[in-house]
Amino acid sequence: MLELLGLLTGLPRLESLSPPPGTARRTVQARSHAVSEKTLARVRALLAKAE
């Protein structure tokens, strides 16, 4: 076990390709999508029909 630890500590560090989970920051702001009431009514009708 000690030999393995010695071997692992002697290896070079890997470069980070992406931030660790939970630390990423959102740089692009989400756009609000305006949808017409006519489109919403049609989608609701299609969903009701599908049930």
PDB file of N, CA and C in Angstrom:
ATOM      1  N   MET A   1       0.832  -1.180   0.000  1.00  0.00           N
ATOM      2  CA  MET A   1       0.000   0.000   0.000  1.00  0.00           C
ATOM      3  C   MET A   1       0.882   1.251   0.000  1.00  0.00           C
ATOM      4  N   LEU A   2       1.917   1.226   0.795  1.00  0.00           N
ATOM      5  CA  LEU A   2       2.809   2.387   0.850  1.00  0.00           C
ATOM      6  C   LEU A   2       3.521   2.605  -0.475  1.00  0.00           C
ATOM      7  N   GLU A   3       3.881   1.530  -1.150  1.00  0.00           N
ATOM      8  CA  GLU A   3       4.524   1.663  -2.462  1.00  0.00           C
ATOM      9  C   GLU A   3       3.562   2.304  -3.467  1.00  0.00           C
ATOM     10  N   LEU A   4       2.315   1.880  -3.420  1.00  0.00           N
ATOM     11  CA  LEU A   4       1.307   2.441  -4.322  1.00  0.00           C
ATOM     12  C   LEU A   4       1.112   3.928  -4.049  1.00  0.00           C
ATOM     13  N   LEU A   5       1.024   4.306  -2.770  1.00  0.00           N
ATOM     14  CA  LEU A   5       0.872   5.717  -2.437  1.00  0.00           C
ATOM     15  C   LEU A   5       2.076   6.526  -2.891  1.00  0.00           C
ATOM     16  N   GLY A   6       3.261   5.973  -2.739  1.00  0.00           N
ATOM     17  CA  GLY A   6       4.460   6.664  -3.199  1.00  0.00           C
ATOM     18  C   GLY A   6       4.461   6.840  -4.699  1.00  0.00           C
ATOM     19  N   LEU A   7       4.012   5.817  -5.417  1.00  0.00           N
ATOM     20  CA  LEU A   7       3.935   5.895  -6.870  1.00  0.00           C
ATOM     21  C   LEU A   7       2.914   6.936  -7.310  1.00  0.00           C
ATOM     22  N   LEU A   8       1.756   6.949  -6.677  1.00  0.00           N
ATOM     23  CA  LEU A   8       0.695   7.890  -7.052  1.00  0.00           C
ATOM     24  C   LEU A   8       1.076   9.336  -6.745  1.00  0.00           C
ATOM     25  N   THR A   9       1.770   9.572  -5.647  1.00  0.00           N
ATOM     26  CA  THR A   9       2.155  10.950  -5.317  1.00  0.00           C
ATOM     27  C   THR A   9       3.251  11.451  -6.243  1.00  0.00           C
ATOM     28  N   GLY A  10       3.990  10.561  -6.878  1.00  0.00           N
ATOM     29  CA  GLY A  10       5.042  10.964  -7.794  1.00  0.00           C
ATOM     30  C   GLY A  10       4.544  11.278  -9.190  1.00  0.00           C
ATOM     31  N   LEU A  11       3.297  10.950  -9.489  1.00  0.00           N
ATOM     32  CA  LEU A  11       2.740  11.213 -10.818  1.00  0.00           C
ATOM     33  C   LEU A  11       2.414  12.695 -10.987  1.00  0.00           C
ATOM     34  N   PRO A  12       2.516  13.221 -12.208  1.00  0.00           N
ATOM     35  CA  PRO A  12       2.152  14.628 -12.431  1.00  0.00           C
ATOM     36  C   PRO A  12       0.639  14.813 -12.313  1.00  0.00           C
ATOM     37  N   ARG A  13       0.250  16.030 -11.951  1.00  0.00           N
ATOM     38  CA  ARG A  13      -1.182  16.337 -11.819  1.00  0.00           C
ATOM     39  C   ARG A  13      -1.825  16.415 -13.199  1.00  0.00           C
ATOM     40  N   LEU A  14      -3.064  15.961 -13.275  1.00  0.00           N
ATOM     41  CA  LEU A  14      -3.834  16.090 -14.509  1.00  0.00           C
ATOM     42  C   LEU A  14      -4.436  17.489 -14.561  1.00  0.00           C
ATOM     43  N   GLU A  15      -4.452  18.082 -15.744  1.00  0.00           N
ATOM     44  CA  GLU A  15      -5.055  19.401 -15.855  1.00  0.00           C
ATOM     45  C   GLU A  15      -6.571  19.272 -15.818  1.00  0.00           C
ATOM     46  N   SER A  16      -7.204  20.271 -15.270  1.00  0.00           N
ATOM     47  CA  SER A  16      -8.656  20.267 -15.137  1.00  0.00           C
ATOM     48  C   SER A  16      -9.285  20.702 -16.454  1.00  0.00           C
ATOM     49  N   LEU A  17     -10.160  19.883 -17.011  1.00  0.00           N
ATOM     50  CA  LEU A  17     -10.830  20.208 -18.265  1.00  0.00           C
ATOM     51  C   LEU A  17     -12.127  20.979 -18.053  1.00  0.00           C
ATOM     52  N   SER A  18     -12.721  20.809 -16.899  1.00  0.00           N
ATOM     53  CA  SER A  18     -13.956  21.510 -16.586  1.00  0.00           C
ATOM     54  C   SER A  18     -13.988  21.766 -15.086  1.00  0.00           C
ATOM     55  N   PRO A  19     -14.812  22.697 -14.643  1.00  0.00           N
ATOM     56  CA  PRO A  19     -14.875  22.982 -13.210  1.00  0.00           C
ATOM     57  C   PRO A  19     -15.482  21.801 -12.452  1.00  0.00           C
ATOM     58  N   PRO A  20     -15.132  21.645 -11.195  1.00  0.00           N
ATOM     59  CA  PRO A  20     -15.723  20.567 -10.390  1.00  0.00           C
ATOM     60  C   PRO A  20     -17.236  20.727 -10.298  1.00  0.00           C
ATOM     61  N   PRO A  21     -17.953  19.650 -10.095  1.00  0.00           N
ATOM     62  CA  PRO A  21     -19.419  19.733 -10.002  1.00  0.00           C
ATOM     63  C   PRO A  21     -19.857  20.731  -8.926  1.00  0.00           C
ATOM     64  N   GLY A  22     -20.827  21.531  -9.264  1.00  0.00           N
ATOM     65  CA  GLY A  22     -21.382  22.481  -8.315  1.00  0.00           C
ATOM     66  C   GLY A  22     -20.677  23.817  -8.285  1.00  0.00           C
ATOM     67  N   THR A  23     -19.593  23.980  -9.032  1.00  0.00           N
ATOM     68  CA  THR A  23     -18.860  25.247  -8.993  1.00  0.00           C
ATOM     69  C   THR A  23     -18.962  26.024 -10.299  1.00  0.00           C
ATOM     70  N   ALA A  24     -19.603  25.479 -11.296  1.00  0.00           N
ATOM     71  CA  ALA A  24     -19.714  26.167 -12.589  1.00  0.00           C
ATOM     72  C   ALA A  24     -20.630  27.371 -12.445  1.00  0.00           C
ATOM     73  N   ARG A  25     -20.288  28.423 -13.166  1.00  0.00           N
ATOM     74  CA  ARG A  25     -21.122  29.622 -13.165  1.00  0.00           C
ATOM     75  C   ARG A  25     -21.788  29.758 -14.512  1.00  0.00           C
ATOM     76  N   ARG A  26     -22.989  30.184 -14.489  1.00  0.00           N
ATOM     77  CA  ARG A  26     -23.739  30.380 -15.725  1.00  0.00           C
ATOM     78  C   ARG A  26     -23.349  31.731 -16.307  1.00  0.00           C
ATOM     79  N   THR A  27     -22.814  31.726 -17.515  1.00  0.00           N
ATOM     80  CA  THR A  27     -22.372  32.974 -18.124  1.00  0.00           C
ATOM     81  C   THR A  27     -23.378  33.516 -19.129  1.00  0.00           C
ATOM     82  N   VAL A  28     -24.240  32.663 -19.636  1.00  0.00           N
ATOM     83  CA  VAL A  28     -25.232  33.093 -20.629  1.00  0.00           C
ATOM     84  C   VAL A  28     -26.570  33.235 -19.921  1.00  0.00           C
ATOM     85  N   GLN A  29     -27.174  34.386 -20.082  1.00  0.00           N
ATOM     86  CA  GLN A  29     -28.475  34.592 -19.465  1.00  0.00           C
ATOM     87  C   GLN A  29     -29.558  33.989 -20.340  1.00  0.00           C
ATOM     88  N   ALA A  30     -30.497  33.336 -19.689  1.00  0.00           N
ATOM     89  CA  ALA A  30     -31.593  32.704 -20.424  1.00  0.00           C
ATOM     90  C   ALA A  30     -32.508  33.781 -20.999  1.00  0.00           C
ATOM     91  N   ARG A  31     -32.917  33.562 -22.240  1.00  0.00           N
ATOM     92  CA  ARG A  31     -33.842  34.493 -22.878  1.00  0.00           C
ATOM     93  C   ARG A  31     -35.264  34.083 -22.548  1.00  0.00           C
ATOM     94  N   SER A  32     -36.099  35.057 -22.345  1.00  0.00           N
ATOM     95  CA  SER A  32     -37.507  34.734 -22.131  1.00  0.00           C
ATOM     96  C   SER A  32     -38.150  34.509 -23.494  1.00  0.00           C
ATOM     97  N   HIS A  33     -38.911  33.464 -23.599  1.00  0.00           N
ATOM     98  CA  HIS A  33     -39.565  33.124 -24.864  1.00  0.00           C
ATOM     99  C   HIS A  33     -41.036  33.517 -24.766  1.00  0.00           C
ATOM    100  N   ALA A  34     -41.398  34.475 -25.543  1.00  0.00           N
ATOM    101  CA  ALA A  34     -42.787  34.907 -25.561  1.00  0.00           C
ATOM    102  C   ALA A  34     -43.576  33.975 -26.480  1.00  0.00           C
ATOM    103  N   VAL A  35     -44.632  33.391 -25.928  1.00  0.00           N
ATOM    104  CA  VAL A  35     -45.468  32.477 -26.693  1.00  0.00           C
ATOM    105  C   VAL A  35     -46.880  33.057 -26.707  1.00  0.00           C
ATOM    106  N   SER A  36     -47.481  33.041 -27.856  1.00  0.00           N
ATOM    107  CA  SER A  36     -48.819  33.625 -27.973  1.00  0.00           C
ATOM    108  C   SER A  36     -49.853  32.722 -27.287  1.00  0.00           C
ATOM    109  N   GLU A  37     -50.918  33.353 -26.862  1.00  0.00           N
ATOM    110  CA  GLU A  37     -52.014  32.619 -26.218  1.00  0.00           C
ATOM    111  C   GLU A  37     -52.642  31.621 -27.184  1.00  0.00           C
ATOM    112  N   LYS A  38     -52.660  31.964 -28.469  1.00  0.00           N
ATOM    113  CA  LYS A  38     -53.223  31.071 -29.486  1.00  0.00           C
ATOM    114  C   LYS A  38     -52.426  29.765 -29.544  1.00  0.00           C
ATOM    115  N   THR A  39     -51.105  29.886 -29.502  1.00  0.00           N
ATOM    116  CA  THR A  39     -50.248  28.699 -29.529  1.00  0.00           C
ATOM    117  C   THR A  39     -50.445  27.865 -28.276  1.00  0.00           C
ATOM    118  N   LEU A  40     -50.508  28.524 -27.119  1.00  0.00           N
ATOM    119  CA  LEU A  40     -50.725  27.800 -25.870  1.00  0.00           C
ATOM    120  C   LEU A  40     -52.063  27.068 -25.874  1.00  0.00           C
ATOM    121  N   ALA A  41     -53.098  27.717 -26.384  1.00  0.00           N
ATOM    122  CA  ALA A  41     -54.416  27.086 -26.448  1.00  0.00           C
ATOM    123  C   ALA A  41     -54.385  25.857 -27.355  1.00  0.00           C
ATOM    124  N   ARG A  42     -53.660  25.962 -28.464  1.00  0.00           N
ATOM    125  CA  ARG A  42     -53.559  24.824 -29.385  1.00  0.00           C
ATOM    126  C   ARG A  42     -52.813  23.663 -28.745  1.00  0.00           C
ATOM    127  N   VAL A  43     -51.729  23.954 -28.047  1.00  0.00           N
ATOM    128  CA  VAL A  43     -50.965  22.903 -27.381  1.00  0.00           C
ATOM    129  C   VAL A  43     -51.805  22.246 -26.288  1.00  0.00           C
ATOM    130  N   ARG A  44     -52.513  23.055 -25.531  1.00  0.00           N
ATOM    131  CA  ARG A  44     -53.384  22.493 -24.486  1.00  0.00           C
ATOM    132  C   ARG A  44     -54.456  21.589 -25.089  1.00  0.00           C
ATOM    133  N   ALA A  45     -55.030  22.017 -26.201  1.00  0.00           N
ATOM    134  CA  ALA A  45     -56.060  21.213 -26.863  1.00  0.00           C
ATOM    135  C   ALA A  45     -55.476  19.891 -27.359  1.00  0.00           C
ATOM    136  N   LEU A  46     -54.256  19.937 -27.924  1.00  0.00           N
ATOM    137  CA  LEU A  46     -53.631  18.698 -28.396  1.00  0.00           C
ATOM    138  C   LEU A  46     -53.307  17.764 -27.241  1.00  0.00           C
ATOM    139  N   LEU A  47     -52.862  18.315 -26.118  1.00  0.00           N
ATOM    140  CA  LEU A  47     -52.579  17.476 -24.947  1.00  0.00           C
ATOM    141  C   LEU A  47     -53.852  16.853 -24.391  1.00  0.00           C
ATOM    142  N   ALA A  48     -54.919  17.635 -24.348  1.00  0.00           N
ATOM    143  CA  ALA A  48     -56.198  17.108 -23.861  1.00  0.00           C
ATOM    144  C   ALA A  48     -56.706  16.000 -24.783  1.00  0.00           C
ATOM    145  N   LYS A  49     -56.519  16.177 -26.083  1.00  0.00           N
ATOM    146  CA  LYS A  49     -56.949  15.181 -27.051  1.00  0.00           C
ATOM    147  C   LYS A  49     -56.116  13.896 -26.902  1.00  0.00           C
ATOM    148  N   ALA A  50     -54.846  14.058 -26.602  1.00  0.00           N
ATOM    149  CA  ALA A  50     -53.961  12.891 -26.467  1.00  0.00           C
ATOM    150  C   ALA A  50     -54.292  12.042 -25.248  1.00  0.00           C
ATOM    151  N   GLU A  51     -54.870  12.673 -24.228  1.00  0.00           N
ATOM    152  CA  GLU A  51     -55.241  11.911 -23.033  1.00  0.00           C
ATOM    153  C   GLU A  51     -56.379  10.998 -23.341  1.00  0.00           C
TER     154      GLU A  51
END
